C-alpha atoms as a PDB file:
ATOM      1  CA  MET A   1     -16.390 -10.839 -50.962  1.00  0.00           C
ATOM      2  CA  LYS A   2     -13.907  -9.610 -53.493  1.00  0.00           C
ATOM      3  CA  ALA A   3     -11.123  -9.635 -50.962  1.00  0.00           C
ATOM      4  CA  ARG A   4     -11.980 -13.271 -50.091  1.00  0.00           C
ATOM      5  CA  GLY A   5     -11.922 -14.254 -53.766  1.00  0.00           C
ATOM      6  CA  LEU A   6     -15.627 -15.115 -53.926  1.00  0.00           C
ATOM      7  CA  VAL A   7     -16.454 -12.569 -56.682  1.00  0.00           C
ATOM      8  CA  THR A   8     -14.611 -11.208 -59.673  1.00  0.00           C
ATOM      9  CA  GLU A   9     -14.804  -7.525 -60.560  1.00  0.00           C
ATOM     10  CA  PHE A  10     -14.797  -6.367 -64.148  1.00  0.00           C
ATOM     11  CA  GLU A  11     -15.765  -3.247 -66.098  1.00  0.00           C
ATOM     12  CA  LYS A  12     -17.827  -3.016 -69.292  1.00  0.00           C
ATOM     13  CA  GLU A  13     -18.824   0.260 -71.017  1.00  0.00           C
ATOM     14  CA  ASN A  14     -17.790   2.232 -67.982  1.00  0.00           C
ATOM     15  CA  VAL A  15     -20.004   0.101 -65.750  1.00  0.00           C
ATOM     16  CA  ARG A  16     -18.508  -1.946 -62.939  1.00  0.00           C
ATOM     17  CA  PHE A  17     -19.813  -5.528 -62.661  1.00  0.00           C
ATOM     18  CA  PHE A  18     -19.258  -8.285 -60.153  1.00  0.00           C
ATOM     19  CA  ARG A  19     -19.460 -11.946 -61.085  1.00  0.00           C
ATOM     20  CA  PRO A  20     -19.668 -14.693 -58.418  1.00  0.00           C
ATOM     21  CA  GLU A  21     -17.053 -17.406 -58.577  1.00  0.00           C
ATOM     22  CA  ARG A  22     -17.939 -21.047 -58.843  1.00  0.00           C
ATOM     23  CA  PRO A  23     -19.109 -22.716 -55.568  1.00  0.00           C
ATOM     24  CA  GLU A  24     -16.029 -24.878 -55.607  1.00  0.00           C
ATOM     25  CA  LYS A  25     -14.007 -21.688 -55.028  1.00  0.00           C
ATOM     26  CA  LEU A  26     -15.588 -21.339 -51.577  1.00  0.00           C
ATOM     27  CA  GLU A  27     -14.570 -24.915 -50.707  1.00  0.00           C
ATOM     28  CA  SER A  28     -10.958 -24.250 -51.754  1.00  0.00           C
ATOM     29  CA  ILE A  29     -10.893 -21.081 -49.675  1.00  0.00           C
ATOM     30  CA  ILE A  30     -12.184 -22.992 -46.640  1.00  0.00           C
ATOM     31  CA  THR A  31      -9.598 -25.728 -47.200  1.00  0.00           C
ATOM     32  CA  ALA A  32      -6.816 -23.093 -47.376  1.00  0.00           C
ATOM     33  CA  ARG A  33      -8.041 -21.438 -44.164  1.00  0.00           C
ATOM     34  CA  GLN A  34      -8.080 -24.815 -42.390  1.00  0.00           C
ATOM     35  CA  ARG A  35      -4.551 -25.481 -43.593  1.00  0.00           C
ATOM     36  CA  GLU A  36      -3.417 -22.104 -42.237  1.00  0.00           C
ATOM     37  CA  CYS A  37      -5.098 -22.806 -38.887  1.00  0.00           C
ATOM     38  CA  MET A  38      -3.390 -26.159 -38.637  1.00  0.00           C
ATOM     39  CA  ILE A  39      -0.014 -24.537 -39.293  1.00  0.00           C
ATOM     40  CA  ALA A  40      -0.689 -21.795 -36.741  1.00  0.00           C
ATOM     41  CA  THR A  41      -1.816 -24.386 -34.145  1.00  0.00           C
ATOM     42  CA  SER A  42       1.289 -26.494 -34.695  1.00  0.00           C
ATOM     43  CA  LEU A  43       3.518 -23.396 -34.435  1.00  0.00           C
ATOM     44  CA  ALA A  44       1.788 -22.308 -31.219  1.00  0.00           C
ATOM     45  CA  LYS A  45       2.314 -25.742 -29.708  1.00  0.00           C
ATOM     46  CA  ASP A  46       6.036 -25.566 -30.517  1.00  0.00           C
ATOM     47  CA  LEU A  47       6.375 -22.058 -29.049  1.00  0.00           C
ATOM     48  CA  MET A  48       4.180 -22.622 -26.003  1.00  0.00           C
ATOM     49  CA  PRO A  49       6.873 -24.074 -23.667  1.00  0.00           C
ATOM     50  CA  ASP A  50       9.248 -21.156 -24.283  1.00  0.00           C
ATOM     51  CA  LEU A  51       6.428 -18.627 -24.029  1.00  0.00           C
ATOM     52  CA  SER A  52       5.225 -20.152 -20.731  1.00  0.00           C
ATOM     53  CA  THR A  53       8.738 -20.060 -19.307  1.00  0.00           C
ATOM     54  CA  GLN A  54       9.191 -16.442 -20.333  1.00  0.00           C
ATOM     55  CA  TRP A  55       5.777 -15.509 -18.900  1.00  0.00           C
ATOM     56  CA  LYS A  56       6.496 -17.130 -15.560  1.00  0.00           C
ATOM     57  CA  GLU A  57       9.877 -15.434 -15.290  1.00  0.00           C
ATOM     58  CA  ALA A  58       8.321 -12.075 -16.082  1.00  0.00           C
ATOM     59  CA  VAL A  59       5.403 -12.517 -13.693  1.00  0.00           C
ATOM     60  CA  ASN A  60       7.499 -13.819 -10.806  1.00  0.00           C
ATOM     61  CA  LYS A  61       9.896 -10.888 -10.907  1.00  0.00           C
ATOM     62  CA  PRO A  62       8.975  -8.323  -8.246  1.00  0.00           C
ATOM     63  CA  THR A  63       7.773  -4.939  -9.390  1.00  0.00           C
ATOM     64  CA  ILE A  64       9.536  -2.161  -7.482  1.00  0.00           C
ATOM     65  CA  ARG A  65       8.367   1.467  -7.465  1.00  0.00           C
ATOM     66  CA  TYR A  66      10.341   4.228  -5.748  1.00  0.00           C
ATOM     67  CA  TYR A  67       8.908   7.509  -4.528  1.00  0.00           C
ATOM     68  CA  GLN A  68      10.575  10.527  -3.041  1.00  0.00           C
ATOM     69  CA  GLY A  69       9.402  13.661  -1.243  1.00  0.00           C
ATOM     70  CA  ARG A  70       6.225  14.431   0.634  1.00  0.00           C
ATOM     71  CA  GLU A  71       4.074  13.869  -2.432  1.00  0.00           C
ATOM     72  CA  GLY A  72       5.759  10.548  -3.078  1.00  0.00           C
ATOM     73  CA  VAL A  73       5.007   9.354   0.463  1.00  0.00           C
ATOM     74  CA  GLN A  74       1.399  10.511   0.055  1.00  0.00           C
ATOM     75  CA  THR A  75       1.194   8.468  -3.173  1.00  0.00           C
ATOM     76  CA  VAL A  76       2.348   5.349  -1.278  1.00  0.00           C
ATOM     77  CA  LEU A  77      -0.168   5.987   1.514  1.00  0.00           C
ATOM     78  CA  GLU A  78      -2.979   6.395  -1.023  1.00  0.00           C
ATOM     79  CA  ASP A  79      -2.061   3.010  -2.467  1.00  0.00           C
ATOM     80  CA  ILE A  80      -1.959   1.399   0.984  1.00  0.00           C
ATOM     81  CA  TYR A  81      -5.418   2.689   1.920  1.00  0.00           C
ATOM     82  CA  SER A  82      -7.059   2.323  -1.484  1.00  0.00           C
ATOM     83  CA  GLN A  83     -10.484   0.744  -1.766  1.00  0.00           C
ATOM     84  CA  GLY A  84     -10.970  -3.007  -1.687  1.00  0.00           C
ATOM     85  CA  LYS A  85      -8.546  -4.200   0.963  1.00  0.00           C
ATOM     86  CA  SER A  86      -9.528  -6.138   4.107  1.00  0.00           C
ATOM     87  CA  GLU A  87      -6.342  -5.945   6.200  1.00  0.00           C
ATOM     88  CA  ILE A  88      -2.983  -4.250   6.512  1.00  0.00           C
ATOM     89  CA  VAL A  89      -0.236  -5.570   8.789  1.00  0.00           C
ATOM     90  CA  GLY A  90       3.070  -3.978   9.599  1.00  0.00           C
ATOM     91  CA  CYS A  91       5.171  -1.856  11.931  1.00  0.00           C
ATOM     92  CA  VAL A  92       6.044   1.767  12.489  1.00  0.00           C
ATOM     93  CA  GLY A  93       7.925   3.943  14.957  1.00  0.00           C
ATOM     94  CA  LEU A  94       6.028   7.107  15.771  1.00  0.00           C
ATOM     95  CA  GLU A  95       8.853   9.255  17.170  1.00  0.00           C
ATOM     96  CA  LYS A  96      10.314  10.509  13.895  1.00  0.00           C
ATOM     97  CA  PRO A  97       7.355  11.361  11.637  1.00  0.00           C
ATOM     98  CA  ASP A  98       7.162  14.929  10.425  1.00  0.00           C
ATOM     99  CA  GLU A  99       4.331  16.495  12.471  1.00  0.00           C
ATOM    100  CA  GLN A 100       2.451  17.839   9.441  1.00  0.00           C
ATOM    101  CA  LEU A 101       2.503  14.480   7.704  1.00  0.00           C
ATOM    102  CA  PHE A 102       1.641  12.656  10.935  1.00  0.00           C
ATOM    103  CA  GLY A 103      -1.376  14.913  11.305  1.00  0.00           C
ATOM    104  CA  GLU A 104      -2.440  14.108   7.737  1.00  0.00           C
ATOM    105  CA  ILE A 105      -2.175  10.394   8.469  1.00  0.00           C
ATOM    106  CA  ILE A 106      -4.260  10.700  11.641  1.00  0.00           C
ATOM    107  CA  HIS A 107      -6.888  13.081  10.309  1.00  0.00           C
ATOM    108  CA  THR A 108      -7.106  12.091   6.648  1.00  0.00           C
ATOM    109  CA  PHE A 109      -5.847   8.595   5.973  1.00  0.00           C
ATOM    110  CA  MET A 110      -7.027   6.956   9.193  1.00  0.00           C
ATOM    111  CA  PRO A 111     -10.664   8.113   8.778  1.00  0.00           C
ATOM    112  CA  LEU A 112     -10.450   7.033   5.109  1.00  0.00           C
ATOM    113  CA  ARG A 113      -9.249   3.570   6.171  1.00  0.00           C
ATOM    114  CA  ILE A 114     -12.074   3.242   8.735  1.00  0.00           C
ATOM    115  CA  ARG A 115     -14.706   4.294   6.165  1.00  0.00           C
ATOM    116  CA  ARG A 116     -13.408   1.632   3.843  1.00  0.00           C
ATOM    117  CA  LYS A 117     -13.429  -0.919   6.659  1.00  0.00           C
ATOM    118  CA  ILE A 118      -9.755  -1.842   6.398  1.00  0.00           C
ATOM    119  CA  PHE A 119      -8.457  -3.519   9.551  1.00  0.00           C
ATOM    120  CA  THR A 120      -4.854  -2.883  10.640  1.00  0.00           C
ATOM    121  CA  ARG A 121      -2.489  -4.725  12.958  1.00  0.00           C
ATOM    122  CA  ALA A 122       0.726  -2.868  13.746  1.00  0.00           C
ATOM    123  CA  LEU A 123       3.806  -3.042  15.910  1.00  0.00           C
ATOM    124  CA  ASN A 124       4.710   0.406  17.276  1.00  0.00           C
ATOM    125  CA  ASN A 125       7.582   1.591  19.395  1.00  0.00           C
ATOM    126  CA  ASP A 126       6.387   2.170  22.964  1.00  0.00           C
ATOM    127  CA  SER A 127       5.787   5.902  23.439  1.00  0.00           C
ATOM    128  CA  GLU A 128       3.190   8.273  24.810  1.00  0.00           C
ATOM    129  CA  ARG A 129       1.866   8.837  21.291  1.00  0.00           C
ATOM    130  CA  ALA A 130       1.633   5.117  20.629  1.00  0.00           C
ATOM    131  CA  ARG A 131      -0.121   4.399  23.932  1.00  0.00           C
ATOM    132  CA  GLU A 132      -2.621   7.141  23.148  1.00  0.00           C
ATOM    133  CA  LEU A 133      -3.378   5.501  19.823  1.00  0.00           C
ATOM    134  CA  GLN A 134      -3.613   2.135  21.526  1.00  0.00           C
ATOM    135  CA  LYS A 135      -6.541   3.363  23.605  1.00  0.00           C
ATOM    136  CA  ASN A 136      -9.855   2.401  21.936  1.00  0.00           C
ATOM    137  CA  ALA A 137      -7.876   0.993  19.040  1.00  0.00           C
ATOM    138  CA  SER A 138     -10.654  -1.522  18.321  1.00  0.00           C
ATOM    139  CA  ASP A 139     -13.037   1.358  17.610  1.00  0.00           C
ATOM    140  CA  ARG A 140     -10.616   2.413  14.859  1.00  0.00           C
ATOM    141  CA  LEU A 141     -10.423  -1.136  13.480  1.00  0.00           C
ATOM    142  CA  SER A 142      -6.882  -1.624  14.775  1.00  0.00           C
ATOM    143  CA  ASP A 143      -4.777  -3.841  16.899  1.00  0.00           C
ATOM    144  CA  ILE A 144      -1.670  -2.045  18.233  1.00  0.00           C
ATOM    145  CA  PHE A 145       1.277  -3.827  19.814  1.00  0.00           C
ATOM    146  CA  LEU A 146       4.167  -2.042  21.529  1.00  0.00           C
ATOM    147  CA  ALA A 147       7.895  -2.690  21.474  1.00  0.00           C
ATOM    148  CA  ASP A 148      10.726  -1.147  23.515  1.00  0.00           C
ATOM    149  CA  GLY A 149      12.195   1.323  21.046  1.00  0.00           C
ATOM    150  CA  THR A 150      15.598   1.216  22.746  1.00  0.00           C
ATOM    151  CA  HIS A 151      16.088  -2.460  21.969  1.00  0.00           C
ATOM    152  CA  TYR A 152      13.759  -2.728  18.923  1.00  0.00           C
ATOM    153  CA  PRO A 153      13.977   0.585  17.002  1.00  0.00           C
ATOM    154  CA  LEU A 154      11.559   1.076  14.172  1.00  0.00           C
ATOM    155  CA  PRO A 155      12.811   4.129  12.257  1.00  0.00           C
ATOM    156  CA  ALA A 156      10.749   3.295   9.163  1.00  0.00           C
ATOM    157  CA  GLU A 157       7.267   1.990   8.446  1.00  0.00           C
ATOM    158  CA  ILE A 158       6.479  -1.342   6.758  1.00  0.00           C
ATOM    159  CA  ASP A 159       3.014  -2.222   5.520  1.00  0.00           C
ATOM    160  CA  VAL A 160       1.984  -5.544   3.979  1.00  0.00           C
ATOM    161  CA  TYR A 161      -1.247  -5.562   1.953  1.00  0.00           C
ATOM    162  CA  GLU A 162      -2.550  -7.662  -0.904  1.00  0.00           C
ATOM    163  CA  ASP A 163       0.562  -8.754  -2.864  1.00  0.00           C
ATOM    164  CA  LYS A 164       2.545  -5.685  -1.874  1.00  0.00           C
ATOM    165  CA  ILE A 165       4.996  -4.459   0.735  1.00  0.00           C
ATOM    166  CA  ALA A 166       5.365  -0.722   1.300  1.00  0.00           C
ATOM    167  CA  PHE A 167       8.383   0.848   2.982  1.00  0.00           C
ATOM    168  CA  LEU A 168       8.130   4.423   4.233  1.00  0.00           C
ATOM    169  CA  SER A 169      10.528   6.899   5.817  1.00  0.00           C
ATOM    170  CA  PHE A 170       8.964   9.926   7.472  1.00  0.00           C
ATOM    171  CA  ALA A 171      12.100  11.547   8.854  1.00  0.00           C
ATOM    172  CA  LYS A 172      11.986  15.286   8.244  1.00  0.00           C
ATOM    173  CA  LYS A 173      13.602  16.243   4.889  1.00  0.00           C
ATOM    174  CA  ASP A 174      13.963  12.546   4.144  1.00  0.00           C
ATOM    175  CA  PHE A 175      10.588  11.448   2.751  1.00  0.00           C
ATOM    176  CA  MET A 176      10.984   8.174   0.875  1.00  0.00           C
ATOM    177  CA  GLY A 177       8.612   5.442  -0.222  1.00  0.00           C
ATOM    178  CA  LEU A 178       9.089   2.052  -1.834  1.00  0.00           C
ATOM    179  CA  ILE A 179       6.446  -0.439  -3.015  1.00  0.00           C
ATOM    180  CA  VAL A 180       7.505  -3.975  -3.813  1.00  0.00           C
ATOM    181  CA  GLU A 181       4.869  -6.082  -5.528  1.00  0.00           C
ATOM    182  CA  ASN A 182       5.478  -9.809  -5.259  1.00  0.00           C
ATOM    183  CA  LYS A 183       3.114 -12.417  -3.841  1.00  0.00           C
ATOM    184  CA  ASP A 184       5.763 -14.655  -2.249  1.00  0.00           C
ATOM    185  CA  PHE A 185       7.497 -11.726  -0.506  1.00  0.00           C
ATOM    186  CA  ALA A 186       4.169 -10.363   0.758  1.00  0.00           C
ATOM    187  CA  VAL A 187       2.893 -13.740   1.999  1.00  0.00           C
ATOM    188  CA  THR A 188       6.181 -14.498   3.799  1.00  0.00           C
ATOM    189  CA  LEU A 189       6.405 -11.152   5.577  1.00  0.00           C
ATOM    190  CA  LYS A 190       2.722 -11.234   6.494  1.00  0.00           C
ATOM    191  CA  SER A 191       3.283 -14.685   8.027  1.00  0.00           C
ATOM    192  CA  VAL A 192       6.135 -13.301  10.144  1.00  0.00           C
ATOM    193  CA  PHE A 193       3.989 -10.392  11.408  1.00  0.00           C
ATOM    194  CA  THR A 194       0.990 -12.748  11.995  1.00  0.00           C
ATOM    195  CA  LEU A 195       3.157 -15.105  14.103  1.00  0.00           C
ATOM    196  CA  LEU A 196       4.531 -12.162  16.100  1.00  0.00           C
ATOM    197  CA  PHE A 197       1.046 -10.733  16.745  1.00  0.00           C
ATOM    198  CA  SER A 198      -0.232 -14.133  17.736  1.00  0.00           C
ATOM    199  CA  LEU A 199       2.517 -14.539  20.323  1.00  0.00           C
ATOM    200  CA  LEU A 200       1.904 -11.040  21.595  1.00  0.00           C
ATOM    201  CA  GLN A 201      -1.817 -11.767  21.812  1.00  0.00           C
ATOM    202  CA  GLN A 202      -1.067 -14.746  23.997  1.00  0.00           C
ATOM    203  CA  GLN A 203       1.057 -12.498  26.201  1.00  0.00           C
ATOM    204  CA  GLN A 204      -1.741  -9.929  26.355  1.00  0.00           C
ATOM    205  CA  GLU A 205      -4.123 -12.542  27.715  1.00  0.00           C
ATOM    206  CA  LYS A 206      -1.865 -12.862  30.758  1.00  0.00           C
ATOM    207  CA  PRO A 207      -2.860 -10.338  33.388  1.00  0.00           C
ATOM    208  CA  LYS A 208       0.104  -7.954  33.135  1.00  0.00           C
ATOM    209  CA  SER A 209      -0.993  -4.652  31.608  1.00  0.00           C
ATOM    210  CA  ALA A 210      -4.330  -3.130  30.769  1.00  0.00           C
ATOM    211  CA  LEU A 211      -2.675  -1.085  28.027  1.00  0.00           C
ATOM    212  CA  GLY A 212      -2.083  -4.027  25.738  1.00  0.00           C
ATOM    213  CA  PRO A 213       0.844  -6.247  24.775  1.00  0.00           C
ATOM    214  CA  THR A 214       4.367  -4.949  24.910  1.00  0.00           C
ATOM    215  CA  ILE A 215       7.524  -6.661  23.705  1.00  0.00           C
ATOM    216  CA  PRO A 216      10.032  -6.722  26.590  1.00  0.00           C
ATOM    217  CA  PRO A 217      13.728  -6.058  26.034  1.00  0.00           C
ATOM    218  CA  PRO A 218      15.801  -9.063  25.045  1.00  0.00           C
ATOM    219  CA  SER A 219      17.022 -11.186  27.914  1.00  0.00           C
ATOM    220  CA  VAL A 220      20.716 -11.800  28.511  1.00  0.00           C
ATOM    221  CA  HIS A 221      21.777 -15.429  28.689  1.00  0.00           C
ATOM    222  CA  GLN A 222      25.050 -16.438  30.242  1.00  0.00           C
ATOM    223  CA  ALA A 223      26.955 -19.481  28.979  1.00  0.00           C
END
């Protein structure tokens, strides 16, 4: 009350007293507060266009996080398979992964993804390992498509999830990870993968191979 100016403090014979101010004082305080609010509101309206522009520029800039080493790659994988996602799309070549890390992906992260009911659609280089994973892929909540690694090499992994794109390199002694967080980038790349998988699904429906869709090598056109 004293801080607001509604009472006056005074001392008499070593005793502290408080005396209320006149009721009109309360009205003047309210009027002053209203004046301050009006000034603040006017100032906020003047600043709002610049603040909105700065906010949009800051929000629309992609967030990029870089990771290195085995632990760094594991951190990226933990983010990819974290709780709350519904789908991950991407691509990966399975020839170069470090065997220890590949085993961790198969025996730790894949069961974690299945428990969390996260569906994946992935393009893999055609190999014995990839074809083995392609078997009963639906039981592991996956769609796996194969590409000729000679013509379409996939030395790194790309995963698109939520508003993020993860890039991973599993080459031995060259563990690297990168997470780019930007909605437009993620939506665009997911659309590219979705279109590719849709075309491959149409190819799969043609009676060619029981092992699933495979991207053929590029054809050569003569002029």
